[in-house]
Amino acid sequence: MNSQNQILKNILIIDDEEKLRHLLARIIQSEGFDVFEAPDLKSGFKKLETNDVDVVLCDVKLPDGNGVDFLQKIKSAFPLTEVILLTAFGKISDGVQAMKNGAFDYIVKGDDNDKIIPLLYKALEKVQLQKKVKQLEKRISDTYSFDGIIGKSKGLEQVIDLAKKVSTTDSTVLLTGETGTGKEVFAQAIHENSNRAGKSFVALNCSTFSKEILESELFGHKQGAFTGAIKDKKGFIEEANGGTLFLDEIGEMPLELQSKLLRVLETNEYIQIGDTTPRKSNFRLIAATNRDLKTESDEHRFRSDLYFRLNIFEIKIPPLRERTKDIAPLTYYFAEKFSLRGNKKELIIDPEFLHKLETYHWPGNVRELRNVIERSVILVVDDILTQDLLPYEIQHQMDHTNKTLSAFSMQSVEKLHIQKVLNYTKGNKAEAARLLEIGVATLYRKLDEYNIQ
């Protein structure tokens, strides 16, 4: 038996000649394939609806129709299924039409019997490749969708809810929060959940380039516009036409470029460097910053008119230390991701390893956690992630859980008071928030902050 059979699956034969159909089925079964049989198109389609068929061998002339026409129905309903048409009389016109309709091949019965098995292997290789591509597309889609955002804390759920609501509009979005909180992940999820999904998502970090290069990257330039401009170059604004432009660290954009960007947002028009003709680009803008743009504009370091234009819908992403409930699911996610990438076995996470992560303050947020897990997976030897694999500063940190129990800490007083009120309300958080005279959202944030279950 051919070793490829381990990955090959189901074959359907549709032919009204019973003896020939049974003979063909035995030949194919001897190669290790699972075979279904049908005497006509109607019963054949039912087999397709109730079984995961990879390849169909279909006669051209059948009692209830023509296989060449039926081919279109199969490809429409089951696009990953390949079809090989069989005919007793080879007609060039039928063969041409069959290939136009999406047939994998078209062969003459009897004369070409020796070609069937090799053809099946080739067709099945194509099926397997198409399925892998489909899985990859789904994985990419999941990665950039809201379902791909890992976490279960109340704070994160509230942010996701806001992002979902604004994603269905075309409004400008301003994502704020510390570095490493996942602002670009949210930007991509908003894009994928919008009516611009499938169009370009173009990301530009404004802190990466000098003023001159940033202007060229953003607006594009004409050949000869400046020294080194040896050919025309499209800018990110043009690349984003029809889709979404994500400007990360927009607080770092020089003031001169801010005025040009504001004009684009107001008119949808821009001019390339070295050109005089305005061009149009219809894009949705999502901007992100770790700065307080209101303070920056008040102190004249950021244009106030651009700030108000950007701040149509602000979403503040909380730092990781304020959503400690997300650390465990993120840890398991990153551990699985990096162990698969490194061809390692499924890893066990030691409770103390996780405890150290949950009590660390994470100045670098999710990005820092990701890097720490990747480093730990590289260093692991016995398939168990233990605390000794963590960086020194995490291993030897002060235990913030114990620290807050200090009688001299205001935080410990607040934490103890919240615990007492929760005990009094028997865990009813809405009632506890009422007694504490704070909002329910604020209570949930403090529960995350103090790691109160």
Protein backbone atom coordinates (compact mmCIF):
# COMPACT_ATOMS: atom_id res chain seq x y z
CA MET A 1 0.00 0.00 0.00
CA ASN A 2 1.29 3.45 -0.93
CA SER A 3 2.45 5.45 2.10
CA GLN A 4 0.45 8.43 0.88
CA ASN A 5 -2.76 6.57 1.70
CA GLN A 6 -2.43 7.60 5.32
CA ILE A 7 -3.52 11.10 4.40
CA LEU A 8 -6.04 10.18 1.70
CA LYS A 9 -9.75 9.88 2.35
CA ASN A 10 -13.06 9.32 0.60
CA ILE A 11 -13.81 8.68 -3.06
CA LEU A 12 -17.29 8.74 -4.64
CA ILE A 13 -18.01 6.89 -7.90
CA ILE A 14 -21.14 7.93 -9.82
CA ASP A 15 -21.88 5.54 -12.70
CA ASP A 16 -25.04 3.75 -13.85
CA GLU A 17 -23.09 0.73 -15.16
CA GLU A 18 -23.18 -1.41 -12.00
CA LYS A 19 -20.50 -3.99 -12.95
CA LEU A 20 -18.05 -1.35 -14.10
CA ARG A 21 -18.76 0.75 -10.98
CA HIS A 22 -18.15 -2.23 -8.62
CA LEU A 23 -14.94 -3.16 -10.48
CA LEU A 24 -13.63 0.39 -10.27
CA ALA A 25 -14.53 0.52 -6.57
CA ARG A 26 -12.54 -2.68 -5.85
CA ILE A 27 -9.51 -1.35 -7.71
CA ILE A 28 -9.59 1.90 -5.74
CA GLN A 29 -10.27 0.16 -2.40
CA SER A 30 -7.22 -2.05 -2.98
CA GLU A 31 -5.16 1.16 -2.80
CA GLY A 32 -6.52 1.84 0.67
CA PHE A 33 -9.19 4.40 -0.15
CA ASP A 34 -12.73 4.48 1.28
CA VAL A 35 -15.19 4.31 -1.60
CA PHE A 36 -18.86 5.31 -1.91
CA GLU A 37 -21.00 4.37 -4.90
CA ALA A 38 -24.05 5.93 -6.58
CA PRO A 39 -25.94 4.95 -9.77
CA ASP A 40 -27.18 8.43 -10.67
CA LEU A 41 -26.67 12.15 -10.01
CA LYS A 42 -29.48 12.49 -7.46
CA SER A 43 -28.21 9.75 -5.15
CA GLY A 44 -24.64 10.87 -5.80
CA PHE A 45 -25.39 14.36 -4.50
CA LYS A 46 -27.00 12.86 -1.38
CA LYS A 47 -23.74 10.95 -0.76
CA LEU A 48 -21.86 14.24 -1.05
CA GLU A 49 -24.19 15.91 1.46
CA THR A 50 -23.81 13.15 4.06
CA ASN A 51 -20.11 12.26 3.66
CA ASP A 52 -16.81 14.14 3.55
CA VAL A 53 -15.90 13.28 -0.05
CA ASP A 54 -12.52 14.36 -1.40
CA VAL A 55 -12.71 13.21 -5.03
CA VAL A 56 -15.66 12.31 -7.28
CA LEU A 57 -15.32 9.99 -10.28
CA CYS A 58 -18.41 10.77 -12.35
CA ASP A 59 -19.69 9.36 -15.63
CA VAL A 60 -20.67 11.97 -18.21
CA LYS A 61 -23.91 10.36 -19.39
CA LEU A 62 -26.26 9.28 -16.62
CA PRO A 63 -30.00 8.51 -16.49
CA ASP A 64 -30.91 11.77 -14.75
CA GLY A 65 -28.48 14.22 -16.31
CA ASN A 66 -25.08 15.13 -17.71
CA GLY A 67 -21.93 14.89 -15.62
CA VAL A 68 -20.38 17.97 -17.23
CA ASP A 69 -23.32 20.12 -16.07
CA PHE A 70 -23.48 18.35 -12.69
CA LEU A 71 -19.85 19.28 -12.14
CA GLN A 72 -20.83 22.94 -11.65
CA LYS A 73 -23.32 21.98 -8.93
CA ILE A 74 -20.65 19.98 -7.09
CA LYS A 75 -18.03 22.76 -7.25
CA SER A 76 -20.59 25.33 -6.12
CA ALA A 77 -21.69 23.33 -3.08
CA PHE A 78 -18.34 21.65 -2.26
CA PRO A 79 -15.53 23.86 -3.63
CA LEU A 80 -12.72 21.77 -2.08
CA THR A 81 -13.94 18.52 -3.72
CA GLU A 82 -12.16 17.56 -6.95
CA VAL A 83 -14.04 15.92 -9.83
CA ILE A 84 -12.68 13.54 -12.49
CA LEU A 85 -15.15 12.93 -15.33
CA LEU A 86 -15.38 9.54 -17.08
CA THR A 87 -16.85 8.98 -20.53
CA ALA A 88 -17.24 6.05 -22.91
CA PHE A 89 -16.71 8.33 -25.91
CA GLY A 90 -14.13 11.05 -25.72
CA LYS A 91 -15.44 14.29 -27.26
CA ILE A 92 -13.08 17.24 -27.39
CA SER A 93 -15.95 19.70 -26.87
CA ASP A 94 -17.09 17.89 -23.70
CA GLY A 95 -13.52 17.76 -22.42
CA VAL A 96 -13.01 21.49 -22.97
CA GLN A 97 -16.31 22.34 -21.25
CA ALA A 98 -15.50 19.99 -18.36
CA MET A 99 -12.22 21.76 -17.68
CA LYS A 100 -13.94 25.17 -17.90
CA ASN A 101 -16.48 23.97 -15.34
CA GLY A 102 -13.69 23.08 -12.92
CA ALA A 103 -12.97 19.38 -13.56
CA PHE A 104 -9.65 18.08 -12.32
CA ASP A 105 -9.43 15.89 -15.43
CA TYR A 106 -11.52 14.21 -18.14
CA ILE A 107 -10.66 10.65 -19.22
CA VAL A 108 -12.04 7.86 -21.40
CA LYS A 109 -13.29 4.74 -19.61
CA GLY A 110 -11.52 1.49 -20.45
CA ASP A 111 -8.69 3.01 -22.47
CA ASP A 112 -7.50 5.14 -19.54
CA ASN A 113 -8.08 2.78 -16.59
CA ASP A 114 -4.36 2.75 -15.82
CA LYS A 115 -4.49 6.53 -15.36
CA ILE A 116 -7.17 6.53 -12.67
CA ILE A 117 -5.06 5.68 -9.60
CA PRO A 118 -2.24 8.14 -10.41
CA LEU A 119 -4.91 10.78 -11.12
CA LEU A 120 -6.55 10.11 -7.75
CA TYR A 121 -3.26 10.70 -5.95
CA LYS A 122 -2.72 13.98 -7.81
CA ALA A 123 -6.30 15.12 -7.16
CA LEU A 124 -6.02 14.25 -3.48
CA GLU A 125 -2.73 16.12 -3.16
CA LYS A 126 -4.55 19.20 -4.47
CA VAL A 127 -7.42 18.63 -2.01
CA GLN A 128 -5.00 18.35 0.92
CA LEU A 129 -3.21 21.54 -0.15
CA GLN A 130 -6.51 23.41 -0.48
CA LYS A 131 -7.57 22.26 3.00
CA LYS A 132 -4.27 23.43 4.50
CA VAL A 133 -4.69 26.83 2.84
CA LYS A 134 -8.25 27.04 4.19
CA GLN A 135 -7.06 26.17 7.70
CA LEU A 136 -4.30 28.77 7.46
CA GLU A 137 -6.78 31.41 6.29
CA LYS A 138 -9.07 30.55 9.20
CA ARG A 139 -6.17 30.69 11.66
CA ILE A 140 -5.17 34.10 10.31
CA SER A 141 -8.79 35.28 10.46
CA ASP A 142 -9.11 34.05 14.06
CA THR A 143 -5.82 35.72 14.98
CA TYR A 144 -6.99 39.11 13.73
CA SER A 145 -10.59 38.85 14.95
CA PHE A 146 -11.96 39.70 18.39
CA ASP A 147 -12.03 35.96 19.12
CA GLY A 148 -8.24 36.02 18.82
CA ILE A 149 -7.88 38.46 21.73
CA ILE A 150 -6.94 36.35 24.75
CA GLY A 151 -8.32 37.19 28.18
CA LYS A 152 -11.38 37.04 30.41
CA SER A 153 -11.03 40.00 32.78
CA LYS A 154 -13.91 42.43 33.12
CA GLY A 155 -11.74 45.31 31.97
CA LEU A 156 -10.77 43.53 28.75
CA GLU A 157 -14.35 42.46 28.06
CA GLN A 158 -15.51 46.07 28.33
CA VAL A 159 -12.83 47.21 25.89
CA ILE A 160 -13.72 44.45 23.40
CA ASP A 161 -17.39 45.42 23.64
CA LEU A 162 -16.56 49.05 22.80
CA ALA A 163 -14.30 48.00 19.92
CA LYS A 164 -17.00 45.72 18.47
CA LYS A 165 -19.54 48.55 18.54
CA VAL A 166 -17.32 51.06 16.75
CA SER A 167 -15.97 48.50 14.25
CA THR A 168 -19.28 48.41 12.37
CA THR A 169 -19.04 52.17 11.71
CA ASP A 170 -16.52 54.12 9.65
CA SER A 171 -15.56 56.43 12.53
CA THR A 172 -11.98 57.32 13.37
CA VAL A 173 -10.77 55.42 16.44
CA LEU A 174 -8.08 56.48 18.92
CA LEU A 175 -6.55 53.61 20.87
CA THR A 176 -4.73 54.71 24.02
CA GLY A 177 -2.77 52.83 26.63
CA GLU A 178 0.73 51.88 27.66
CA THR A 179 3.25 50.36 25.26
CA GLY A 180 2.75 46.64 24.76
CA THR A 181 -0.94 46.47 25.70
CA GLY A 182 -1.95 45.22 22.24
CA LYS A 183 -3.20 48.34 20.47
CA GLU A 184 -2.33 47.00 17.00
CA VAL A 185 -4.13 43.73 17.78
CA PHE A 186 -7.27 45.74 18.55
CA ALA A 187 -6.81 47.84 15.41
CA GLN A 188 -6.64 44.70 13.25
CA ALA A 189 -9.68 43.20 14.98
CA ILE A 190 -11.68 46.39 14.37
CA HIS A 191 -10.67 46.28 10.70
CA GLU A 192 -11.58 42.58 10.33
CA ASN A 193 -14.98 43.21 11.93
CA SER A 194 -15.74 46.20 9.68
CA ASN A 195 -17.21 46.50 6.19
CA ARG A 196 -13.64 47.07 5.01
CA ALA A 197 -12.56 43.54 5.95
CA GLY A 198 -10.83 41.92 3.00
CA LYS A 199 -9.33 45.27 1.96
CA SER A 200 -5.88 46.51 2.95
CA PHE A 201 -4.87 46.97 6.57
CA VAL A 202 -1.79 49.19 6.45
CA ALA A 203 0.20 49.91 9.62
CA LEU A 204 2.80 52.65 10.05
CA ASN A 205 4.72 53.42 13.26
CA CYS A 206 5.23 57.17 13.42
CA SER A 207 8.10 56.91 15.92
CA THR A 208 10.28 54.81 13.61
CA PHE A 209 11.22 57.43 10.99
CA SER A 210 12.62 60.93 10.71
CA LYS A 211 10.21 63.68 9.59
CA GLU A 212 11.35 63.52 5.95
CA ILE A 213 11.13 59.73 5.66
CA LEU A 214 7.82 59.60 7.54
CA GLU A 215 6.33 62.12 5.11
CA SER A 216 7.49 60.02 2.16
CA GLU A 217 6.17 56.80 3.72
CA LEU A 218 2.82 58.42 4.45
CA PHE A 219 2.19 60.44 1.26
CA GLY A 220 4.50 58.79 -1.27
CA HIS A 221 6.76 60.67 -3.68
CA LYS A 222 7.48 61.25 -7.34
CA GLN A 223 10.74 60.25 -9.00
CA GLY A 224 13.35 63.00 -8.52
CA ALA A 225 11.44 64.71 -5.69
CA PHE A 226 14.57 64.59 -3.53
CA THR A 227 18.00 62.99 -3.50
CA GLY A 228 17.53 59.23 -3.54
CA ALA A 229 14.02 59.30 -5.02
CA ILE A 230 15.00 57.17 -8.01
CA LYS A 231 11.43 56.08 -8.82
CA ASP A 232 7.82 56.84 -7.94
CA LYS A 233 6.73 55.46 -4.58
CA LYS A 234 3.21 54.82 -3.28
CA GLY A 235 2.53 56.12 0.21
CA PHE A 236 0.66 54.33 2.96
CA ILE A 237 -2.35 56.60 2.43
CA GLU A 238 -2.65 55.35 -1.14
CA GLU A 239 -2.03 51.74 -0.11
CA ALA A 240 -4.86 51.99 2.42
CA ASN A 241 -7.44 53.14 -0.16
CA GLY A 242 -10.65 51.21 0.51
CA GLY A 243 -9.22 49.74 3.70
CA THR A 244 -7.79 50.87 7.03
CA LEU A 245 -4.74 52.99 7.84
CA PHE A 246 -3.32 52.33 11.32
CA LEU A 247 -0.97 55.03 12.59
CA ASP A 248 0.81 53.76 15.68
CA GLU A 249 2.47 56.17 18.12
CA ILE A 250 0.79 59.12 16.41
CA GLY A 251 1.87 61.30 19.31
CA GLU A 252 5.39 61.17 17.86
CA MET A 253 4.34 62.68 14.52
CA PRO A 254 6.05 66.06 13.85
CA LEU A 255 3.75 69.10 13.99
CA GLU A 256 4.34 69.97 10.31
CA LEU A 257 3.03 66.56 9.22
CA GLN A 258 0.09 66.76 11.61
CA SER A 259 -1.40 69.66 9.63
CA LYS A 260 -1.03 67.70 6.38
CA LEU A 261 -2.67 64.64 7.91
CA LEU A 262 -5.54 66.79 9.20
CA ARG A 263 -6.20 68.05 5.67
CA VAL A 264 -6.32 64.49 4.36
CA LEU A 265 -8.82 63.50 7.04
CA GLU A 266 -11.05 66.47 6.22
CA THR A 267 -10.92 66.19 2.40
CA ASN A 268 -9.77 62.63 1.61
CA GLU A 269 -7.20 64.30 -0.65
CA TYR A 270 -3.40 64.23 -0.46
CA ILE A 271 -0.46 65.29 -2.61
CA GLN A 272 2.66 63.19 -3.12
CA ILE A 273 6.04 64.80 -2.46
CA GLY A 274 7.24 66.38 -5.72
CA ASP A 275 3.77 66.44 -7.26
CA THR A 276 1.14 69.16 -7.60
CA THR A 277 -1.92 67.09 -8.45
CA PRO A 278 -4.20 66.11 -5.55
CA ARG A 279 -5.12 62.44 -5.26
CA LYS A 280 -8.00 60.85 -3.39
CA SER A 281 -7.95 57.98 -0.92
CA ASN A 282 -10.95 56.59 0.93
CA PHE A 283 -9.61 54.96 4.08
CA ARG A 284 -10.63 54.50 7.69
CA LEU A 285 -8.12 55.83 10.23
CA ILE A 286 -7.26 54.08 13.46
CA ALA A 287 -4.58 55.83 15.52
CA ALA A 288 -2.78 54.72 18.66
CA THR A 289 -0.61 56.38 21.27
CA ASN A 290 0.85 55.82 24.72
CA ARG A 291 0.86 59.57 25.34
CA ASP A 292 -1.85 61.75 26.85
CA LEU A 293 -2.75 63.70 23.70
CA LYS A 294 -5.02 66.08 25.62
CA THR A 295 -2.07 67.19 27.78
CA GLU A 296 0.20 67.23 24.71
CA SER A 297 -2.25 69.52 22.86
CA ASP A 298 -2.72 71.77 25.91
CA GLU A 299 1.06 72.20 26.04
CA HIS A 300 1.24 72.79 22.24
CA ARG A 301 3.22 69.64 21.47
CA PHE A 302 0.30 68.17 19.50
CA ARG A 303 -2.18 70.05 17.32
CA SER A 304 -5.45 70.46 19.20
CA ASP A 305 -7.52 70.42 15.99
CA LEU A 306 -5.99 67.07 15.00
CA TYR A 307 -6.51 65.74 18.52
CA PHE A 308 -10.23 66.56 18.39
CA ARG A 309 -10.43 65.03 14.90
CA LEU A 310 -8.77 61.82 16.16
CA ASN A 311 -10.67 61.64 19.44
CA ILE A 312 -14.07 60.85 17.93
CA PHE A 313 -14.06 57.48 19.66
CA GLU A 314 -11.34 56.74 22.21
CA ILE A 315 -10.71 53.25 23.54
CA LYS A 316 -8.34 53.00 26.49
CA ILE A 317 -6.71 49.56 26.78
CA PRO A 318 -5.88 48.77 30.41
CA PRO A 319 -2.35 47.66 31.34
CA LEU A 320 -1.76 44.00 32.14
CA ARG A 321 -1.23 44.69 35.86
CA GLU A 322 -4.87 45.88 36.04
CA ARG A 323 -6.20 42.66 34.51
CA THR A 324 -4.29 39.88 36.24
CA LYS A 325 -7.03 37.37 35.35
CA ASP A 326 -5.75 37.55 31.77
CA ILE A 327 -2.21 36.45 32.68
CA ALA A 328 -3.04 32.72 33.01
CA PRO A 329 -4.89 32.34 29.66
CA LEU A 330 -2.22 34.41 27.91
CA THR A 331 0.50 32.25 29.46
CA TYR A 332 -1.12 29.01 28.28
CA TYR A 333 -1.71 30.50 24.83
CA PHE A 334 1.90 31.68 24.38
CA ALA A 335 3.32 28.44 25.84
CA GLU A 336 1.36 26.37 23.33
CA LYS A 337 2.27 28.68 20.46
CA PHE A 338 6.01 28.65 21.13
CA SER A 339 6.18 24.93 21.97
CA LEU A 340 4.54 24.13 18.61
CA ARG A 341 6.92 26.48 16.83
CA GLY A 342 9.90 24.82 18.51
CA ASN A 343 8.59 21.27 17.88
CA LYS A 344 8.44 20.63 21.62
CA LYS A 345 6.00 18.38 23.47
CA GLU A 346 2.98 19.84 25.22
CA LEU A 347 4.34 21.72 28.22
CA ILE A 348 3.17 21.58 31.83
CA ILE A 349 3.04 24.91 33.65
CA ASP A 350 4.12 24.74 37.28
CA PRO A 351 1.77 26.65 39.66
CA GLU A 352 4.69 28.61 41.14
CA PHE A 353 5.73 29.67 37.62
CA LEU A 354 2.24 31.06 37.06
CA HIS A 355 2.13 32.66 40.52
CA LYS A 356 5.34 34.57 39.79
CA LEU A 357 3.83 35.86 36.55
CA GLU A 358 0.58 36.89 38.22
CA THR A 359 2.33 38.89 40.95
CA TYR A 360 4.77 40.69 38.62
CA HIS A 361 3.94 44.31 37.69
CA TRP A 362 4.58 43.94 33.89
CA PRO A 363 5.88 47.35 32.82
CA GLY A 364 6.09 46.00 29.25
CA ASN A 365 2.56 44.55 29.40
CA VAL A 366 1.45 41.72 27.06
CA ARG A 367 4.48 42.16 24.81
CA GLU A 368 6.81 41.59 27.78
CA LEU A 369 4.82 38.55 28.91
CA ARG A 370 5.03 37.11 25.39
CA ASN A 371 8.82 37.54 25.34
CA VAL A 372 9.19 35.99 28.82
CA ILE A 373 7.19 32.90 27.79
CA GLU A 374 9.13 32.54 24.53
CA ARG A 375 12.41 32.68 26.49
CA SER A 376 11.15 30.12 29.02
CA VAL A 377 10.03 27.71 26.28
CA ILE A 378 13.47 27.93 24.66
CA LEU A 379 15.17 27.12 27.98
CA VAL A 380 12.81 24.33 29.15
CA VAL A 381 14.34 20.84 29.43
CA ASP A 382 11.87 18.50 31.15
CA ASP A 383 8.64 19.73 29.52
CA ILE A 384 7.73 21.67 32.70
CA LEU A 385 7.82 25.45 32.89
CA THR A 386 9.25 26.21 36.34
CA GLN A 387 10.06 29.52 38.02
CA ASP A 388 13.82 29.03 37.60
CA LEU A 389 13.32 29.60 33.84
CA LEU A 390 12.05 33.12 34.47
CA PRO A 391 14.23 36.24 34.27
CA TYR A 392 15.97 37.25 37.51
CA GLU A 393 13.74 40.29 38.15
CA ILE A 394 10.60 38.15 38.02
CA GLN A 395 12.05 35.31 40.11
CA HIS A 396 13.22 37.68 42.85
CA GLN A 397 10.43 40.25 42.79
CA MET A 398 8.73 41.30 45.98
CA ASP A 399 5.50 39.34 46.36
CA HIS A 400 2.91 42.08 45.83
CA THR A 401 0.19 39.82 47.21
CA ASN A 402 1.97 39.73 50.59
CA LYS A 403 3.15 43.30 50.35
CA THR A 404 -0.40 44.63 50.23
CA LEU A 405 -1.09 42.95 53.57
CA SER A 406 1.20 45.47 55.28
CA ALA A 407 -0.70 47.38 57.96
CA PHE A 408 0.97 50.62 56.80
CA SER A 409 -0.22 50.38 53.17
CA MET A 410 -3.33 52.33 52.06
CA GLN A 411 -3.82 49.66 49.40
CA SER A 412 -3.99 46.95 52.04
CA VAL A 413 -6.69 48.92 53.89
CA GLU A 414 -8.72 49.29 50.68
CA LYS A 415 -8.26 45.64 49.76
CA LEU A 416 -9.28 44.45 53.23
CA HIS A 417 -12.33 46.74 53.23
CA ILE A 418 -13.48 45.45 49.81
CA GLN A 419 -13.08 41.86 51.01
CA LYS A 420 -15.15 42.60 54.12
CA VAL A 421 -17.95 44.21 52.09
CA LEU A 422 -17.97 41.29 49.65
CA ASN A 423 -18.22 38.88 52.57
CA TYR A 424 -21.11 40.93 53.93
CA THR A 425 -22.96 40.82 50.57
CA LYS A 426 -22.09 37.12 50.14
CA GLY A 427 -20.29 37.84 46.90
CA ASN A 428 -22.96 40.07 45.36
CA LYS A 429 -20.75 42.53 43.47
CA ALA A 430 -23.53 44.93 42.44
CA GLU A 431 -24.62 45.29 46.10
CA ALA A 432 -20.99 45.60 47.22
CA ALA A 433 -20.41 48.42 44.70
CA ARG A 434 -23.53 50.20 46.01
CA LEU A 435 -22.35 49.97 49.62
CA LEU A 436 -18.84 51.10 48.64
CA GLU A 437 -20.38 53.98 46.68
CA ILE A 438 -18.40 53.18 43.54
CA GLY A 439 -19.38 51.98 40.07
CA VAL A 440 -19.55 48.25 39.34
CA ALA A 441 -16.87 48.68 36.64
CA THR A 442 -14.58 50.35 39.19
CA LEU A 443 -15.17 47.49 41.62
CA TYR A 444 -14.24 44.91 38.98
CA ARG A 445 -11.07 46.85 38.16
CA LYS A 446 -10.07 46.85 41.84
CA LEU A 447 -10.85 43.13 42.14
CA ASP A 448 -8.45 42.51 39.25
CA GLU A 449 -5.86 44.89 40.72
CA TYR A 450 -5.90 43.23 44.16
CA ASN A 451 -6.36 39.73 42.76
CA ILE A 452 -9.56 39.24 44.78
CA GLN A 453 -11.46 36.21 43.50
